[in-house]
Amino acid sequence: MAPKNPAALISGVIVLVDALAARLVLTADAARVYVFGRPIEWECALRRAGLPCPTCGMTRSIVMALHGDLVQAWQIAPGGPVLLAGALGAAVVLLLAAERSTPLPRWIRTGGLVYGAATLAIWLGGWAEQFRQVLYLR
């Protein structure tokens, strides 16, 4: 039986396959991300200048969260695990939506918006904390 919403099915599967592939290919520690065990030697211009970048640590944080190290991931960038949980949750919702011929219930759509706003607040809060630490240490 064909799904009623093939775009939702494809999108949900892609998100889950991407997360699985990232977990298999990537590892991370507090300093950097590794691809098949080889470090990625890239640093953004803001970080080189001693200023926190708004996305500094997000890749490391997400990779650590994919490997289950949620405490370390949260310490590096609180938005990482929250963003990952949201992406995986969205994938599940998309897979459920693939079998529906009616729109998703309003509470799911509203919940997604609230979750997105909370994720943005956590991400910006983590960035603000990095700025506070930089300014405090100078």
N, C-alpha and C. Protein backbone atom coordinates (compact mmCIF):
# COMPACT_ATOMS: atom_id res chain seq x y z
N MET A 1 0.84 -1.17 0.00
CA MET A 1 0.00 0.00 0.00
C MET A 1 0.89 1.24 0.00
N ALA A 2 0.65 2.15 -0.90
CA ALA A 2 1.45 3.36 -1.05
C ALA A 2 1.10 4.36 0.05
N PRO A 3 2.12 5.10 0.52
CA PRO A 3 1.83 6.11 1.54
C PRO A 3 0.96 7.22 0.96
N LYS A 4 0.15 7.83 1.79
CA LYS A 4 -0.72 8.91 1.33
C LYS A 4 0.06 10.20 1.13
N ASN A 5 1.20 10.32 1.79
CA ASN A 5 2.03 11.51 1.67
C ASN A 5 3.48 11.07 1.47
N PRO A 6 3.87 10.73 0.23
CA PRO A 6 5.23 10.22 0.00
C PRO A 6 6.32 11.23 0.33
N ALA A 7 6.05 12.53 0.19
CA ALA A 7 7.07 13.53 0.52
C ALA A 7 7.41 13.49 2.01
N ALA A 8 6.41 13.31 2.86
CA ALA A 8 6.64 13.21 4.30
C ALA A 8 7.44 11.96 4.62
N LEU A 9 7.11 10.85 3.97
CA LEU A 9 7.85 9.61 4.18
C LEU A 9 9.31 9.77 3.79
N ILE A 10 9.56 10.31 2.62
CA ILE A 10 10.93 10.49 2.14
C ILE A 10 11.70 11.43 3.06
N SER A 11 11.07 12.52 3.46
CA SER A 11 11.74 13.49 4.34
C SER A 11 12.09 12.87 5.69
N GLY A 12 11.16 12.15 6.28
CA GLY A 12 11.41 11.51 7.57
C GLY A 12 12.52 10.48 7.49
N VAL A 13 12.52 9.68 6.44
CA VAL A 13 13.56 8.66 6.27
C VAL A 13 14.91 9.33 6.07
N ILE A 14 14.97 10.40 5.29
CA ILE A 14 16.24 11.09 5.04
C ILE A 14 16.82 11.62 6.35
N VAL A 15 16.01 12.23 7.19
CA VAL A 15 16.50 12.75 8.47
C VAL A 15 17.08 11.62 9.31
N LEU A 16 16.37 10.50 9.41
CA LEU A 16 16.85 9.38 10.22
C LEU A 16 18.11 8.74 9.63
N VAL A 17 18.17 8.59 8.32
CA VAL A 17 19.36 8.02 7.67
C VAL A 17 20.56 8.95 7.85
N ASP A 18 20.34 10.26 7.72
CA ASP A 18 21.42 11.22 7.93
C ASP A 18 21.96 11.13 9.36
N ALA A 19 21.06 11.03 10.34
CA ALA A 19 21.49 10.92 11.74
C ALA A 19 22.29 9.63 11.95
N LEU A 20 21.83 8.54 11.38
CA LEU A 20 22.54 7.27 11.51
C LEU A 20 23.91 7.35 10.84
N ALA A 21 23.96 7.92 9.64
CA ALA A 21 25.24 8.06 8.93
C ALA A 21 26.21 8.93 9.72
N ALA A 22 25.71 10.03 10.27
CA ALA A 22 26.57 10.91 11.08
C ALA A 22 27.10 10.17 12.30
N ARG A 23 26.26 9.36 12.92
CA ARG A 23 26.70 8.61 14.09
C ARG A 23 27.78 7.59 13.72
N LEU A 24 27.66 6.99 12.56
CA LEU A 24 28.64 5.99 12.12
C LEU A 24 29.95 6.60 11.66
N VAL A 25 29.90 7.78 11.05
CA VAL A 25 31.07 8.38 10.42
C VAL A 25 31.80 9.36 11.34
N LEU A 26 31.06 10.06 12.18
CA LEU A 26 31.63 11.15 12.98
C LEU A 26 31.79 10.76 14.44
N THR A 27 32.85 11.27 15.05
CA THR A 27 33.04 11.24 16.49
C THR A 27 33.51 12.63 16.90
N ALA A 28 33.49 12.90 18.19
CA ALA A 28 33.90 14.22 18.65
C ALA A 28 34.44 14.13 20.07
N ASP A 29 35.29 15.10 20.39
CA ASP A 29 35.70 15.32 21.77
C ASP A 29 35.50 16.81 22.05
N ALA A 30 35.98 17.29 23.17
CA ALA A 30 35.74 18.68 23.53
C ALA A 30 36.42 19.66 22.56
N ALA A 31 37.42 19.22 21.85
CA ALA A 31 38.20 20.12 20.99
C ALA A 31 37.79 20.10 19.53
N ARG A 32 37.40 18.92 19.00
CA ARG A 32 37.13 18.85 17.56
C ARG A 32 36.27 17.66 17.19
N VAL A 33 35.90 17.65 15.91
CA VAL A 33 35.11 16.56 15.32
C VAL A 33 36.04 15.74 14.45
N TYR A 34 35.78 14.45 14.40
CA TYR A 34 36.60 13.53 13.61
C TYR A 34 35.72 12.83 12.58
N VAL A 35 36.24 12.67 11.37
CA VAL A 35 35.58 11.92 10.32
C VAL A 35 36.41 10.66 10.10
N PHE A 36 35.81 9.53 10.36
CA PHE A 36 36.52 8.25 10.30
C PHE A 36 37.82 8.31 11.10
N GLY A 37 37.79 8.98 12.24
CA GLY A 37 38.94 9.05 13.12
C GLY A 37 39.95 10.13 12.79
N ARG A 38 39.76 10.83 11.69
CA ARG A 38 40.69 11.90 11.29
C ARG A 38 40.09 13.25 11.70
N PRO A 39 40.87 14.09 12.40
CA PRO A 39 40.32 15.36 12.88
C PRO A 39 40.03 16.33 11.74
N ILE A 40 38.96 17.08 11.92
CA ILE A 40 38.67 18.18 11.01
C ILE A 40 39.40 19.38 11.58
N GLU A 41 40.38 19.87 10.86
CA GLU A 41 41.22 20.98 11.33
C GLU A 41 40.71 22.30 10.78
N TRP A 42 39.53 22.69 11.23
CA TRP A 42 38.94 23.94 10.76
C TRP A 42 38.47 24.73 11.96
N GLU A 43 38.72 26.02 11.93
CA GLU A 43 38.30 26.89 13.02
C GLU A 43 37.77 28.17 12.40
N CYS A 44 36.63 28.63 12.89
CA CYS A 44 36.02 29.83 12.30
C CYS A 44 36.82 31.08 12.69
N ALA A 45 36.65 32.13 11.92
CA ALA A 45 37.40 33.38 12.14
C ALA A 45 37.07 34.01 13.49
N LEU A 46 35.82 33.94 13.92
CA LEU A 46 35.46 34.50 15.22
C LEU A 46 36.18 33.79 16.36
N ARG A 47 36.22 32.48 16.27
CA ARG A 47 36.88 31.71 17.33
C ARG A 47 38.37 32.00 17.35
N ARG A 48 38.99 32.14 16.18
CA ARG A 48 40.41 32.50 16.12
C ARG A 48 40.67 33.86 16.75
N ALA A 49 39.68 34.75 16.63
CA ALA A 49 39.81 36.09 17.20
C ALA A 49 39.49 36.10 18.70
N GLY A 50 39.10 34.96 19.25
CA GLY A 50 38.80 34.87 20.67
C GLY A 50 37.36 35.22 21.02
N LEU A 51 36.51 35.33 20.01
CA LEU A 51 35.09 35.63 20.24
C LEU A 51 34.25 34.39 19.96
N PRO A 52 33.23 34.16 20.75
CA PRO A 52 32.38 32.99 20.48
C PRO A 52 31.50 33.22 19.25
N CYS A 53 31.48 32.24 18.41
CA CYS A 53 30.63 32.24 17.22
C CYS A 53 29.25 31.70 17.64
N PRO A 54 28.16 32.17 17.04
CA PRO A 54 26.85 31.65 17.46
C PRO A 54 26.69 30.15 17.23
N THR A 55 27.42 29.59 16.31
CA THR A 55 27.32 28.15 16.07
C THR A 55 28.54 27.39 16.56
N CYS A 56 29.44 28.07 17.27
CA CYS A 56 30.63 27.41 17.80
C CYS A 56 30.23 26.25 18.70
N GLY A 57 30.72 25.09 18.40
CA GLY A 57 30.46 23.92 19.22
C GLY A 57 29.22 23.14 18.84
N MET A 58 28.41 23.66 17.93
CA MET A 58 27.16 22.95 17.59
C MET A 58 27.45 21.59 16.95
N THR A 59 28.41 21.54 16.04
CA THR A 59 28.71 20.25 15.41
C THR A 59 29.22 19.26 16.44
N ARG A 60 30.17 19.68 17.27
CA ARG A 60 30.68 18.79 18.32
C ARG A 60 29.55 18.36 19.25
N SER A 61 28.70 19.30 19.62
CA SER A 61 27.60 19.00 20.53
C SER A 61 26.62 17.99 19.93
N ILE A 62 26.27 18.19 18.68
CA ILE A 62 25.33 17.27 18.02
C ILE A 62 25.94 15.88 17.87
N VAL A 63 27.21 15.83 17.48
CA VAL A 63 27.87 14.52 17.32
C VAL A 63 27.96 13.81 18.67
N MET A 64 28.30 14.54 19.71
CA MET A 64 28.35 13.92 21.04
C MET A 64 26.96 13.43 21.47
N ALA A 65 25.94 14.21 21.19
CA ALA A 65 24.58 13.79 21.52
C ALA A 65 24.19 12.54 20.73
N LEU A 66 24.59 12.47 19.47
CA LEU A 66 24.32 11.26 18.68
C LEU A 66 24.96 10.02 19.30
N HIS A 67 26.09 10.22 19.98
CA HIS A 67 26.79 9.11 20.62
C HIS A 67 26.35 8.90 22.07
N GLY A 68 25.36 9.69 22.52
CA GLY A 68 24.80 9.49 23.85
C GLY A 68 25.48 10.27 24.96
N ASP A 69 26.48 11.08 24.66
CA ASP A 69 27.17 11.87 25.68
C ASP A 69 26.46 13.21 25.84
N LEU A 70 25.27 13.18 26.43
CA LEU A 70 24.42 14.36 26.52
C LEU A 70 24.97 15.42 27.47
N VAL A 71 25.62 15.02 28.54
CA VAL A 71 26.15 16.00 29.50
C VAL A 71 27.24 16.83 28.84
N GLN A 72 28.20 16.18 28.22
CA GLN A 72 29.29 16.89 27.54
C GLN A 72 28.74 17.71 26.37
N ALA A 73 27.79 17.16 25.65
CA ALA A 73 27.19 17.90 24.52
C ALA A 73 26.53 19.17 25.02
N TRP A 74 25.81 19.08 26.13
CA TRP A 74 25.13 20.25 26.70
C TRP A 74 26.15 21.29 27.16
N GLN A 75 27.26 20.85 27.75
CA GLN A 75 28.28 21.78 28.22
C GLN A 75 28.95 22.52 27.08
N ILE A 76 29.12 21.87 25.95
CA ILE A 76 29.77 22.52 24.81
C ILE A 76 28.82 23.51 24.14
N ALA A 77 27.62 23.08 23.85
CA ALA A 77 26.62 23.94 23.21
C ALA A 77 25.23 23.39 23.54
N PRO A 78 24.51 24.02 24.44
CA PRO A 78 23.21 23.49 24.87
C PRO A 78 22.21 23.30 23.73
N GLY A 79 22.35 24.10 22.68
CA GLY A 79 21.42 23.97 21.57
C GLY A 79 21.58 22.67 20.78
N GLY A 80 22.76 22.06 20.84
CA GLY A 80 23.02 20.85 20.05
C GLY A 80 22.10 19.68 20.36
N PRO A 81 22.06 19.22 21.62
CA PRO A 81 21.17 18.10 21.93
C PRO A 81 19.70 18.44 21.74
N VAL A 82 19.34 19.70 22.02
CA VAL A 82 17.94 20.11 21.86
C VAL A 82 17.57 20.10 20.37
N LEU A 83 18.46 20.62 19.54
CA LEU A 83 18.23 20.62 18.10
C LEU A 83 18.15 19.20 17.55
N LEU A 84 19.03 18.32 18.01
CA LEU A 84 19.01 16.92 17.57
C LEU A 84 17.70 16.25 17.97
N ALA A 85 17.28 16.45 19.21
CA ALA A 85 16.01 15.85 19.66
C ALA A 85 14.85 16.36 18.81
N GLY A 86 14.87 17.65 18.49
CA GLY A 86 13.81 18.21 17.64
C GLY A 86 13.82 17.62 16.24
N ALA A 87 15.01 17.44 15.67
CA ALA A 87 15.11 16.87 14.32
C ALA A 87 14.62 15.43 14.31
N LEU A 88 15.01 14.66 15.31
CA LEU A 88 14.56 13.26 15.37
C LEU A 88 13.05 13.18 15.63
N GLY A 89 12.56 14.07 16.47
CA GLY A 89 11.11 14.13 16.71
C GLY A 89 10.35 14.51 15.45
N ALA A 90 10.90 15.47 14.71
CA ALA A 90 10.27 15.87 13.45
C ALA A 90 10.26 14.72 12.46
N ALA A 91 11.32 13.92 12.44
CA ALA A 91 11.37 12.77 11.53
C ALA A 91 10.26 11.77 11.87
N VAL A 92 10.06 11.54 13.16
CA VAL A 92 8.99 10.62 13.58
C VAL A 92 7.63 11.17 13.18
N VAL A 93 7.42 12.47 13.39
CA VAL A 93 6.15 13.09 13.01
C VAL A 93 5.94 12.97 11.50
N LEU A 94 7.00 13.19 10.72
CA LEU A 94 6.89 13.06 9.26
C LEU A 94 6.52 11.63 8.86
N LEU A 95 7.12 10.65 9.51
CA LEU A 95 6.78 9.26 9.20
C LEU A 95 5.33 8.95 9.55
N LEU A 96 4.86 9.49 10.65
CA LEU A 96 3.45 9.31 11.01
C LEU A 96 2.54 10.04 10.04
N ALA A 97 2.97 11.22 9.59
CA ALA A 97 2.17 12.01 8.64
C ALA A 97 2.09 11.35 7.27
N ALA A 98 3.05 10.50 6.95
CA ALA A 98 3.07 9.86 5.64
C ALA A 98 1.83 8.99 5.42
N GLU A 99 1.25 8.48 6.47
CA GLU A 99 0.09 7.61 6.36
C GLU A 99 -1.24 8.35 6.52
N ARG A 100 -1.17 9.62 6.77
CA ARG A 100 -2.40 10.40 6.99
C ARG A 100 -2.84 11.09 5.70
N SER A 101 -4.13 11.14 5.49
CA SER A 101 -4.65 11.90 4.36
C SER A 101 -5.15 13.27 4.80
N THR A 102 -5.17 13.49 6.12
CA THR A 102 -5.59 14.80 6.66
C THR A 102 -4.37 15.50 7.25
N PRO A 103 -4.45 16.81 7.39
CA PRO A 103 -3.32 17.54 8.00
C PRO A 103 -3.04 17.06 9.43
N LEU A 104 -1.84 17.31 9.88
CA LEU A 104 -1.50 16.95 11.25
C LEU A 104 -2.36 17.73 12.24
N PRO A 105 -2.61 17.15 13.39
CA PRO A 105 -3.40 17.88 14.40
C PRO A 105 -2.73 19.20 14.77
N ARG A 106 -3.55 20.15 15.12
CA ARG A 106 -3.05 21.49 15.45
C ARG A 106 -2.02 21.46 16.58
N TRP A 107 -2.21 20.60 17.58
CA TRP A 107 -1.30 20.58 18.72
C TRP A 107 0.11 20.15 18.29
N ILE A 108 0.22 19.33 17.26
CA ILE A 108 1.55 18.94 16.78
C ILE A 108 2.22 20.13 16.09
N ARG A 109 1.46 20.82 15.25
CA ARG A 109 2.02 22.00 14.57
C ARG A 109 2.40 23.08 15.59
N THR A 110 1.54 23.34 16.54
CA THR A 110 1.82 24.35 17.57
C THR A 110 2.99 23.91 18.44
N GLY A 111 3.01 22.65 18.80
CA GLY A 111 4.12 22.12 19.61
C GLY A 111 5.45 22.26 18.89
N GLY A 112 5.46 22.05 17.59
CA GLY A 112 6.69 22.22 16.81
C GLY A 112 7.18 23.65 16.85
N LEU A 113 6.26 24.59 16.74
CA LEU A 113 6.64 26.00 16.81
C LEU A 113 7.17 26.37 18.19
N VAL A 114 6.52 25.88 19.24
CA VAL A 114 6.97 26.16 20.60
C VAL A 114 8.35 25.53 20.83
N TYR A 115 8.52 24.31 20.37
CA TYR A 115 9.81 23.63 20.51
C TYR A 115 10.90 24.39 19.76
N GLY A 116 10.59 24.86 18.56
CA GLY A 116 11.55 25.64 17.80
C GLY A 116 11.94 26.93 18.51
N ALA A 117 10.97 27.61 19.10
CA ALA A 117 11.25 28.84 19.84
C ALA A 117 12.10 28.54 21.08
N ALA A 118 11.79 27.45 21.77
CA ALA A 118 12.58 27.07 22.95
C ALA A 118 14.01 26.71 22.54
N THR A 119 14.16 26.00 21.43
CA THR A 119 15.49 25.65 20.94
C THR A 119 16.29 26.90 20.62
N LEU A 120 15.66 27.85 19.97
CA LEU A 120 16.33 29.12 19.65
C LEU A 120 16.76 29.84 20.93
N ALA A 121 15.89 29.86 21.94
CA ALA A 121 16.22 30.52 23.20
C ALA A 121 17.39 29.82 23.89
N ILE A 122 17.40 28.50 23.90
CA ILE A 122 18.50 27.75 24.51
C ILE A 122 19.80 27.99 23.76
N TRP A 123 19.72 27.97 22.44
CA TRP A 123 20.91 28.20 21.62
C TRP A 123 21.47 29.59 21.88
N LEU A 124 20.62 30.62 21.84
CA LEU A 124 21.09 31.99 22.07
C LEU A 124 21.56 32.18 23.51
N GLY A 125 20.91 31.49 24.46
CA GLY A 125 21.36 31.55 25.84
C GLY A 125 22.75 30.96 26.01
N GLY A 126 23.01 29.86 25.35
CA GLY A 126 24.35 29.27 25.38
C GLY A 126 25.39 30.20 24.78
N TRP A 127 25.03 30.87 23.71
CA TRP A 127 25.95 31.82 23.07
C TRP A 127 26.20 33.00 23.99
N ALA A 128 25.15 33.51 24.63
CA ALA A 128 25.29 34.62 25.56
C ALA A 128 26.20 34.23 26.73
N GLU A 129 26.08 33.00 27.21
CA GLU A 129 26.94 32.52 28.28
C GLU A 129 28.40 32.47 27.83
N GLN A 130 28.64 32.06 26.60
CA GLN A 130 30.02 32.06 26.08
C GLN A 130 30.57 33.49 26.05
N PHE A 131 29.75 34.44 25.62
CA PHE A 131 30.18 35.85 25.62
C PHE A 131 30.47 36.32 27.04
N ARG A 132 29.62 35.97 27.98
CA ARG A 132 29.83 36.37 29.37
C ARG A 132 31.17 35.85 29.88
N GLN A 133 31.46 34.59 29.56
CA GLN A 133 32.73 34.02 30.00
C GLN A 133 33.92 34.72 29.35
N VAL A 134 33.81 35.04 28.07
CA VAL A 134 34.91 35.73 27.38
C VAL A 134 35.12 37.11 28.00
N LEU A 135 34.05 37.84 28.23
CA LEU A 135 34.17 39.19 28.78
C LEU A 135 34.64 39.15 30.23
N TYR A 136 34.21 38.15 30.98
CA TYR A 136 34.59 38.03 32.38
C TYR A 136 36.07 37.70 32.52
N LEU A 137 36.61 36.89 31.59
CA LEU A 137 38.00 36.46 31.67
C LEU A 137 38.98 37.53 31.22
N ARG A 138 38.50 38.56 30.52
CA ARG A 138 39.41 39.60 30.01
C ARG A 138 39.73 40.62 31.05
